[in-house]
Amino acid sequence: MKRYYIQHRNLDIHITEWGDPSDAVIFCLHGLGSTSLSFTEVAEELKEDYRIISIDAPGHGKTPPFENEKDYEMDKNG
């Protein structure tokens, strides 16, 4: 398991990753009240065949919340 941060729009997003970078990717998004680590059990089972990438959504786990509440809304202009 590898844990690191990427930055997007001045927000440090926490990433948890398992497996080999050359393998096919399974991208995991946790539900409300959870974190990237909620996929640990399944990732440990699949890491020999897949690269599993899971993020901590803003305000969860080690990713800080958005500073502006409007950033949680979908762009209405597409």
PDB file of N, CA and C in Angstrom:
ATOM      1  N   MET A   1       0.847  -1.174   0.000  1.00  0.00           N
ATOM      2  CA  MET A   1       0.000   0.000   0.000  1.00  0.00           C
ATOM      3  C   MET A   1       0.890   1.234   0.000  1.00  0.00           C
ATOM      4  N   LYS A   2       0.522   2.179  -0.863  1.00  0.00           N
ATOM      5  CA  LYS A   2       1.258   3.429  -0.965  1.00  0.00           C
ATOM      6  C   LYS A   2       0.261   4.565  -0.718  1.00  0.00           C
ATOM      7  N   ARG A   3       0.673   5.546   0.082  1.00  0.00           N
ATOM      8  CA  ARG A   3      -0.195   6.690   0.372  1.00  0.00           C
ATOM      9  C   ARG A   3       0.557   7.966   0.022  1.00  0.00           C
ATOM     10  N   TYR A   4      -0.137   8.878  -0.655  1.00  0.00           N
ATOM     11  CA  TYR A   4       0.493  10.121  -1.077  1.00  0.00           C
ATOM     12  C   TYR A   4      -0.577  11.172  -1.359  1.00  0.00           C
ATOM     13  N   TYR A   5      -0.147  12.374  -1.700  1.00  0.00           N
ATOM     14  CA  TYR A   5      -1.049  13.476  -2.008  1.00  0.00           C
ATOM     15  C   TYR A   5      -0.819  13.956  -3.429  1.00  0.00           C
ATOM     16  N   ILE A   6      -1.894  14.415  -4.058  1.00  0.00           N
ATOM     17  CA  ILE A   6      -1.799  15.176  -5.300  1.00  0.00           C
ATOM     18  C   ILE A   6      -2.492  16.506  -5.034  1.00  0.00           C
ATOM     19  N   GLN A   7      -2.118  17.533  -5.766  1.00  0.00           N
ATOM     20  CA  GLN A   7      -2.754  18.822  -5.564  1.00  0.00           C
ATOM     21  C   GLN A   7      -3.621  19.167  -6.765  1.00  0.00           C
ATOM     22  N   HIS A   8      -4.842  19.601  -6.472  1.00  0.00           N
ATOM     23  CA  HIS A   8      -5.773  20.046  -7.502  1.00  0.00           C
ATOM     24  C   HIS A   8      -6.491  21.281  -6.982  1.00  0.00           C
ATOM     25  N   ARG A   9      -6.352  22.388  -7.706  1.00  0.00           N
ATOM     26  CA  ARG A   9      -6.984  23.647  -7.306  1.00  0.00           C
ATOM     27  C   ARG A   9      -6.687  24.010  -5.850  1.00  0.00           C
ATOM     28  N   ASN A  10      -5.444  23.946  -5.485  1.00  0.00           N
ATOM     29  CA  ASN A  10      -4.969  24.306  -4.136  1.00  0.00           C
ATOM     30  C   ASN A  10      -5.505  23.405  -3.028  1.00  0.00           C
ATOM     31  N   LEU A  11      -5.975  22.220  -3.366  1.00  0.00           N
ATOM     32  CA  LEU A  11      -6.435  21.254  -2.370  1.00  0.00           C
ATOM     33  C   LEU A  11      -5.530  20.033  -2.432  1.00  0.00           C
ATOM     34  N   ASP A  12      -4.969  19.631  -1.294  1.00  0.00           N
ATOM     35  CA  ASP A  12      -4.142  18.429  -1.215  1.00  0.00           C
ATOM     36  C   ASP A  12      -5.059  17.220  -1.061  1.00  0.00           C
ATOM     37  N   ILE A  13      -5.161  16.419  -2.112  1.00  0.00           N
ATOM     38  CA  ILE A  13      -6.045  15.254  -2.131  1.00  0.00           C
ATOM     39  C   ILE A  13      -5.239  14.016  -1.766  1.00  0.00           C
ATOM     40  N   HIS A  14      -5.691  13.312  -0.744  1.00  0.00           N
ATOM     41  CA  HIS A  14      -4.984  12.134  -0.272  1.00  0.00           C
ATOM     42  C   HIS A  14      -5.386  10.911  -1.094  1.00  0.00           C
ATOM     43  N   ILE A  15      -4.373  10.155  -1.538  1.00  0.00           N
ATOM     44  CA  ILE A  15      -4.553   8.970  -2.372  1.00  0.00           C
ATOM     45  C   ILE A  15      -4.009   7.746  -1.643  1.00  0.00           C
ATOM     46  N   THR A  16      -4.716   6.636  -1.735  1.00  0.00           N
ATOM     47  CA  THR A  16      -4.207   5.342  -1.276  1.00  0.00           C
ATOM     48  C   THR A  16      -4.188   4.433  -2.499  1.00  0.00           C
ATOM     49  N   GLU A  17      -3.081   3.716  -2.670  1.00  0.00           N
ATOM     50  CA  GLU A  17      -2.897   2.907  -3.874  1.00  0.00           C
ATOM     51  C   GLU A  17      -2.291   1.557  -3.526  1.00  0.00           C
ATOM     52  N   TRP A  18      -2.752   0.522  -4.234  1.00  0.00           N
ATOM     53  CA  TRP A  18      -2.219  -0.834  -4.098  1.00  0.00           C
ATOM     54  C   TRP A  18      -1.897  -1.348  -5.494  1.00  0.00           C
ATOM     55  N   GLY A  19      -0.992  -2.299  -5.591  1.00  0.00           N
ATOM     56  CA  GLY A  19      -0.720  -2.987  -6.842  1.00  0.00           C
ATOM     57  C   GLY A  19       0.359  -2.352  -7.689  1.00  0.00           C
ATOM     58  N   ASP A  20       0.565  -2.955  -8.843  1.00  0.00           N
ATOM     59  CA  ASP A  20       1.608  -2.557  -9.782  1.00  0.00           C
ATOM     60  C   ASP A  20       1.078  -1.477 -10.735  1.00  0.00           C
ATOM     61  N   PRO A  21       1.814  -0.379 -10.910  1.00  0.00           N
ATOM     62  CA  PRO A  21       1.366   0.699 -11.813  1.00  0.00           C
ATOM     63  C   PRO A  21       1.137   0.262 -13.261  1.00  0.00           C
ATOM     64  N   SER A  22       1.699  -0.866 -13.678  1.00  0.00           N
ATOM     65  CA  SER A  22       1.506  -1.318 -15.056  1.00  0.00           C
ATOM     66  C   SER A  22       0.234  -2.147 -15.242  1.00  0.00           C
ATOM     67  N   ASP A  23      -0.451  -2.498 -14.162  1.00  0.00           N
ATOM     68  CA  ASP A  23      -1.680  -3.292 -14.247  1.00  0.00           C
ATOM     69  C   ASP A  23      -2.899  -2.412 -14.528  1.00  0.00           C
ATOM     70  N   ALA A  24      -3.977  -3.054 -14.968  1.00  0.00           N
ATOM     71  CA  ALA A  24      -5.246  -2.347 -15.192  1.00  0.00           C
ATOM     72  C   ALA A  24      -5.710  -1.715 -13.882  1.00  0.00           C
ATOM     73  N   VAL A  25      -6.356  -0.554 -13.991  1.00  0.00           N
ATOM     74  CA  VAL A  25      -6.734   0.227 -12.811  1.00  0.00           C
ATOM     75  C   VAL A  25      -8.181  -0.010 -12.402  1.00  0.00           C
ATOM     76  N   ILE A  26      -8.382  -0.140 -11.106  1.00  0.00           N
ATOM     77  CA  ILE A  26      -9.706  -0.069 -10.496  1.00  0.00           C
ATOM     78  C   ILE A  26      -9.679   1.193  -9.645  1.00  0.00           C
ATOM     79  N   PHE A  27     -10.583   2.146  -9.953  1.00  0.00           N
ATOM     80  CA  PHE A  27     -10.626   3.417  -9.233  1.00  0.00           C
ATOM     81  C   PHE A  27     -11.798   3.384  -8.266  1.00  0.00           C
ATOM     82  N   CYS A  28     -11.530   3.611  -6.985  1.00  0.00           N
ATOM     83  CA  CYS A  28     -12.547   3.466  -5.938  1.00  0.00           C
ATOM     84  C   CYS A  28     -12.901   4.812  -5.320  1.00  0.00           C
ATOM     85  N   LEU A  29     -14.203   5.079  -5.227  1.00  0.00           N
ATOM     86  CA  LEU A  29     -14.710   6.279  -4.567  1.00  0.00           C
ATOM     87  C   LEU A  29     -15.565   5.841  -3.387  1.00  0.00           C
ATOM     88  N   HIS A  30     -15.195   6.266  -2.199  1.00  0.00           N
ATOM     89  CA  HIS A  30     -15.929   5.870  -0.996  1.00  0.00           C
ATOM     90  C   HIS A  30     -17.238   6.632  -0.856  1.00  0.00           C
ATOM     91  N   GLY A  31     -18.107   6.121  -0.007  1.00  0.00           N
ATOM     92  CA  GLY A  31     -19.376   6.775   0.284  1.00  0.00           C
ATOM     93  C   GLY A  31     -19.259   7.754   1.431  1.00  0.00           C
ATOM     94  N   LEU A  32     -20.375   8.364   1.753  1.00  0.00           N
ATOM     95  CA  LEU A  32     -20.444   9.362   2.812  1.00  0.00           C
ATOM     96  C   LEU A  32     -19.966   8.780   4.140  1.00  0.00           C
ATOM     97  N   GLY A  33     -19.098   9.505   4.814  1.00  0.00           N
ATOM     98  CA  GLY A  33     -18.622   9.101   6.125  1.00  0.00           C
ATOM     99  C   GLY A  33     -17.500   8.083   6.111  1.00  0.00           C
ATOM    100  N   SER A  34     -16.958   7.765   4.947  1.00  0.00           N
ATOM    101  CA  SER A  34     -15.914   6.759   4.853  1.00  0.00           C
ATOM    102  C   SER A  34     -14.623   7.411   4.351  1.00  0.00           C
ATOM    103  N   THR A  35     -13.605   6.595   4.058  1.00  0.00           N
ATOM    104  CA  THR A  35     -12.316   7.079   3.557  1.00  0.00           C
ATOM    105  C   THR A  35     -11.778   6.119   2.509  1.00  0.00           C
ATOM    106  N   SER A  36     -10.644   6.471   1.946  1.00  0.00           N
ATOM    107  CA  SER A  36      -9.990   5.607   0.957  1.00  0.00           C
ATOM    108  C   SER A  36      -9.632   4.247   1.543  1.00  0.00           C
ATOM    109  N   LEU A  37      -9.451   4.197   2.844  1.00  0.00           N
ATOM    110  CA  LEU A  37      -9.073   2.934   3.486  1.00  0.00           C
ATOM    111  C   LEU A  37     -10.233   1.946   3.588  1.00  0.00           C
ATOM    112  N   SER A  38     -11.435   2.371   3.253  1.00  0.00           N
ATOM    113  CA  SER A  38     -12.570   1.437   3.298  1.00  0.00           C
ATOM    114  C   SER A  38     -12.429   0.332   2.250  1.00  0.00           C
ATOM    115  N   PHE A  39     -11.502   0.486   1.320  1.00  0.00           N
ATOM    116  CA  PHE A  39     -11.274  -0.518   0.282  1.00  0.00           C
ATOM    117  C   PHE A  39     -10.088  -1.425   0.572  1.00  0.00           C
ATOM    118  N   THR A  40      -9.505  -1.330   1.756  1.00  0.00           N
ATOM    119  CA  THR A  40      -8.305  -2.097   2.084  1.00  0.00           C
ATOM    120  C   THR A  40      -8.501  -3.596   1.890  1.00  0.00           C
ATOM    121  N   GLU A  41      -9.571  -4.152   2.413  1.00  0.00           N
ATOM    122  CA  GLU A  41      -9.776  -5.600   2.349  1.00  0.00           C
ATOM    123  C   GLU A  41      -9.869  -6.102   0.910  1.00  0.00           C
ATOM    124  N   VAL A  42     -10.673  -5.457   0.090  1.00  0.00           N
ATOM    125  CA  VAL A  42     -10.809  -5.897  -1.300  1.00  0.00           C
ATOM    126  C   VAL A  42      -9.523  -5.607  -2.093  1.00  0.00           C
ATOM    127  N   ALA A  43      -8.867  -4.483  -1.805  1.00  0.00           N
ATOM    128  CA  ALA A  43      -7.623  -4.148  -2.508  1.00  0.00           C
ATOM    129  C   ALA A  43      -6.529  -5.164  -2.212  1.00  0.00           C
ATOM    130  N   GLU A  44      -6.449  -5.614  -0.978  1.00  0.00           N
ATOM    131  CA  GLU A  44      -5.445  -6.624  -0.631  1.00  0.00           C
ATOM    132  C   GLU A  44      -5.677  -7.922  -1.405  1.00  0.00           C
ATOM    133  N   GLU A  45      -6.911  -8.234  -1.704  1.00  0.00           N
ATOM    134  CA  GLU A  45      -7.235  -9.449  -2.470  1.00  0.00           C
ATOM    135  C   GLU A  45      -6.928  -9.290  -3.964  1.00  0.00           C
ATOM    136  N   LEU A  46      -7.043  -8.066  -4.479  1.00  0.00           N
ATOM    137  CA  LEU A  46      -6.918  -7.833  -5.920  1.00  0.00           C
ATOM    138  C   LEU A  46      -5.581  -7.253  -6.368  1.00  0.00           C
ATOM    139  N   LYS A  47      -4.739  -6.851  -5.431  1.00  0.00           N
ATOM    140  CA  LYS A  47      -3.523  -6.111  -5.779  1.00  0.00           C
ATOM    141  C   LYS A  47      -2.510  -6.883  -6.619  1.00  0.00           C
ATOM    142  N   GLU A  48      -2.597  -8.194  -6.672  1.00  0.00           N
ATOM    143  CA  GLU A  48      -1.654  -8.964  -7.505  1.00  0.00           C
ATOM    144  C   GLU A  48      -2.015  -8.882  -8.987  1.00  0.00           C
ATOM    145  N   ASP A  49      -3.281  -8.549  -9.300  1.00  0.00           N
ATOM    146  CA  ASP A  49      -3.739  -8.508 -10.685  1.00  0.00           C
ATOM    147  C   ASP A  49      -4.150  -7.120 -11.163  1.00  0.00           C
ATOM    148  N   TYR A  50      -4.392  -6.204 -10.228  1.00  0.00           N
ATOM    149  CA  TYR A  50      -4.878  -4.871 -10.572  1.00  0.00           C
ATOM    150  C   TYR A  50      -4.145  -3.803  -9.778  1.00  0.00           C
ATOM    151  N   ARG A  51      -4.181  -2.601 -10.312  1.00  0.00           N
ATOM    152  CA  ARG A  51      -3.732  -1.418  -9.578  1.00  0.00           C
ATOM    153  C   ARG A  51      -4.999  -0.765  -9.034  1.00  0.00           C
ATOM    154  N   ILE A  52      -5.109  -0.628  -7.738  1.00  0.00           N
ATOM    155  CA  ILE A  52      -6.291  -0.055  -7.106  1.00  0.00           C
ATOM    156  C   ILE A  52      -5.921   1.326  -6.594  1.00  0.00           C
ATOM    157  N   ILE A  53      -6.688   2.329  -7.019  1.00  0.00           N
ATOM    158  CA  ILE A  53      -6.467   3.709  -6.603  1.00  0.00           C
ATOM    159  C   ILE A  53      -7.734   4.182  -5.908  1.00  0.00           C
ATOM    160  N   SER A  54      -7.574   4.708  -4.707  1.00  0.00           N
ATOM    161  CA  SER A  54      -8.700   5.181  -3.917  1.00  0.00           C
ATOM    162  C   SER A  54      -8.357   6.561  -3.355  1.00  0.00           C
ATOM    163  N   ILE A  55      -9.326   7.469  -3.386  1.00  0.00           N
ATOM    164  CA  ILE A  55      -9.073   8.815  -2.867  1.00  0.00           C
ATOM    165  C   ILE A  55      -9.879   9.056  -1.594  1.00  0.00           C
ATOM    166  N   ASP A  56      -9.380   9.982  -0.787  1.00  0.00           N
ATOM    167  CA  ASP A  56     -10.175  10.544   0.304  1.00  0.00           C
ATOM    168  C   ASP A  56     -10.871  11.763  -0.280  1.00  0.00           C
ATOM    169  N   ALA A  57     -12.187  11.721  -0.381  1.00  0.00           N
ATOM    170  CA  ALA A  57     -12.941  12.857  -0.909  1.00  0.00           C
ATOM    171  C   ALA A  57     -12.755  14.072   0.000  1.00  0.00           C
ATOM    172  N   PRO A  58     -12.966  15.277  -0.529  1.00  0.00           N
ATOM    173  CA  PRO A  58     -12.808  16.479   0.296  1.00  0.00           C
ATOM    174  C   PRO A  58     -13.619  16.397   1.594  1.00  0.00           C
ATOM    175  N   GLY A  59     -12.929  16.663   2.699  1.00  0.00           N
ATOM    176  CA  GLY A  59     -13.563  16.627   4.008  1.00  0.00           C
ATOM    177  C   GLY A  59     -13.600  15.253   4.639  1.00  0.00           C
ATOM    178  N   HIS A  60     -12.923  14.264   4.029  1.00  0.00           N
ATOM    179  CA  HIS A  60     -12.894  12.896   4.545  1.00  0.00           C
ATOM    180  C   HIS A  60     -11.452  12.418   4.646  1.00  0.00           C
ATOM    181  N   GLY A  61     -11.195  11.529   5.588  1.00  0.00           N
ATOM    182  CA  GLY A  61      -9.850  10.982   5.751  1.00  0.00           C
ATOM    183  C   GLY A  61      -8.821  12.086   5.909  1.00  0.00           C
ATOM    184  N   LYS A  62      -7.788  12.047   5.069  1.00  0.00           N
ATOM    185  CA  LYS A  62      -6.696  13.015   5.165  1.00  0.00           C
ATOM    186  C   LYS A  62      -6.801  14.158   4.156  1.00  0.00           C
ATOM    187  N   THR A  63      -7.929  14.225   3.416  1.00  0.00           N
ATOM    188  CA  THR A  63      -8.143  15.334   2.491  1.00  0.00           C
ATOM    189  C   THR A  63      -8.960  16.409   3.202  1.00  0.00           C
ATOM    190  N   PRO A  64      -8.442  17.637   3.259  1.00  0.00           N
ATOM    191  CA  PRO A  64      -9.195  18.698   3.937  1.00  0.00           C
ATOM    192  C   PRO A  64     -10.471  19.051   3.165  1.00  0.00           C
ATOM    193  N   PRO A  65     -11.430  19.672   3.843  1.00  0.00           N
ATOM    194  CA  PRO A  65     -12.656  20.081   3.152  1.00  0.00           C
ATOM    195  C   PRO A  65     -12.393  21.252   2.213  1.00  0.00           C
ATOM    196  N   PHE A  66     -13.309  21.446   1.249  1.00  0.00           N
ATOM    197  CA  PHE A  66     -13.237  22.634   0.407  1.00  0.00           C
ATOM    198  C   PHE A  66     -13.419  23.863   1.291  1.00  0.00           C
ATOM    199  N   GLU A  67     -12.757  24.954   0.941  1.00  0.00           N
ATOM    200  CA  GLU A  67     -12.911  26.193   1.699  1.00  0.00           C
ATOM    201  C   GLU A  67     -14.243  26.870   1.396  1.00  0.00           C
ATOM    202  N   ASN A  68     -14.718  26.728   0.165  1.00  0.00           N
ATOM    203  CA  ASN A  68     -15.947  27.374  -0.273  1.00  0.00           C
ATOM    204  C   ASN A  68     -17.032  26.314  -0.449  1.00  0.00           C
ATOM    205  N   GLU A  69     -18.157  26.491   0.198  1.00  0.00           N
ATOM    206  CA  GLU A  69     -19.258  25.518   0.128  1.00  0.00           C
ATOM    207  C   GLU A  69     -19.735  25.292  -1.302  1.00  0.00           C
ATOM    208  N   LYS A  70     -19.661  26.302  -2.160  1.00  0.00           N
ATOM    209  CA  LYS A  70     -20.105  26.169  -3.559  1.00  0.00           C
ATOM    210  C   LYS A  70     -19.257  25.163  -4.343  1.00  0.00           C
ATOM    211  N   ASP A  71     -18.035  24.896  -3.881  1.00  0.00           N
ATOM    212  CA  ASP A  71     -17.178  23.933  -4.570  1.00  0.00           C
ATOM    213  C   ASP A  71     -17.733  22.514  -4.504  1.00  0.00           C
ATOM    214  N   TYR A  72     -18.671  22.252  -3.606  1.00  0.00           N
ATOM    215  CA  TYR A  72     -19.297  20.928  -3.514  1.00  0.00           C
ATOM    216  C   TYR A  72     -20.423  20.754  -4.542  1.00  0.00           C
ATOM    217  N   GLU A  73     -20.836  21.829  -5.188  1.00  0.00           N
ATOM    218  CA  GLU A  73     -21.944  21.782  -6.137  1.00  0.00           C
ATOM    219  C   GLU A  73     -21.452  21.430  -7.537  1.00  0.00           C
ATOM    220  N   MET A  74     -22.344  20.793  -8.314  1.00  0.00           N
ATOM    221  CA  MET A  74     -22.042  20.483  -9.723  1.00  0.00           C
ATOM    222  C   MET A  74     -22.107  21.761 -10.549  1.00  0.00           C
ATOM    223  N   ASP A  75     -21.259  21.864 -11.571  1.00  0.00           N
ATOM    224  CA  ASP A  75     -21.265  22.994 -12.486  1.00  0.00           C
ATOM    225  C   ASP A  75     -22.539  22.933 -13.328  1.00  0.00           C
ATOM    226  N   LYS A  76     -23.385  23.935 -13.214  1.00  0.00           N
ATOM    227  CA  LYS A  76     -24.662  23.947 -13.930  1.00  0.00           C
ATOM    228  C   LYS A  76     -24.504  24.302 -15.394  1.00  0.00           C
ATOM    229  N   ASN A  77     -23.336  24.805 -15.768  1.00  0.00           N
ATOM    230  CA  ASN A  77     -23.105  25.226 -17.151  1.00  0.00           C
ATOM    231  C   ASN A  77     -22.391  24.168 -17.972  1.00  0.00           C
ATOM    232  N   GLY A  78     -22.134  23.012 -17.359  1.00  0.00           N
ATOM    233  CA  GLY A  78     -21.544  21.869 -18.040  1.00  0.00           C
ATOM    234  C   GLY A  78     -20.164  22.066 -18.451  1.00  0.00           C
TER     235      GLY A  78
END
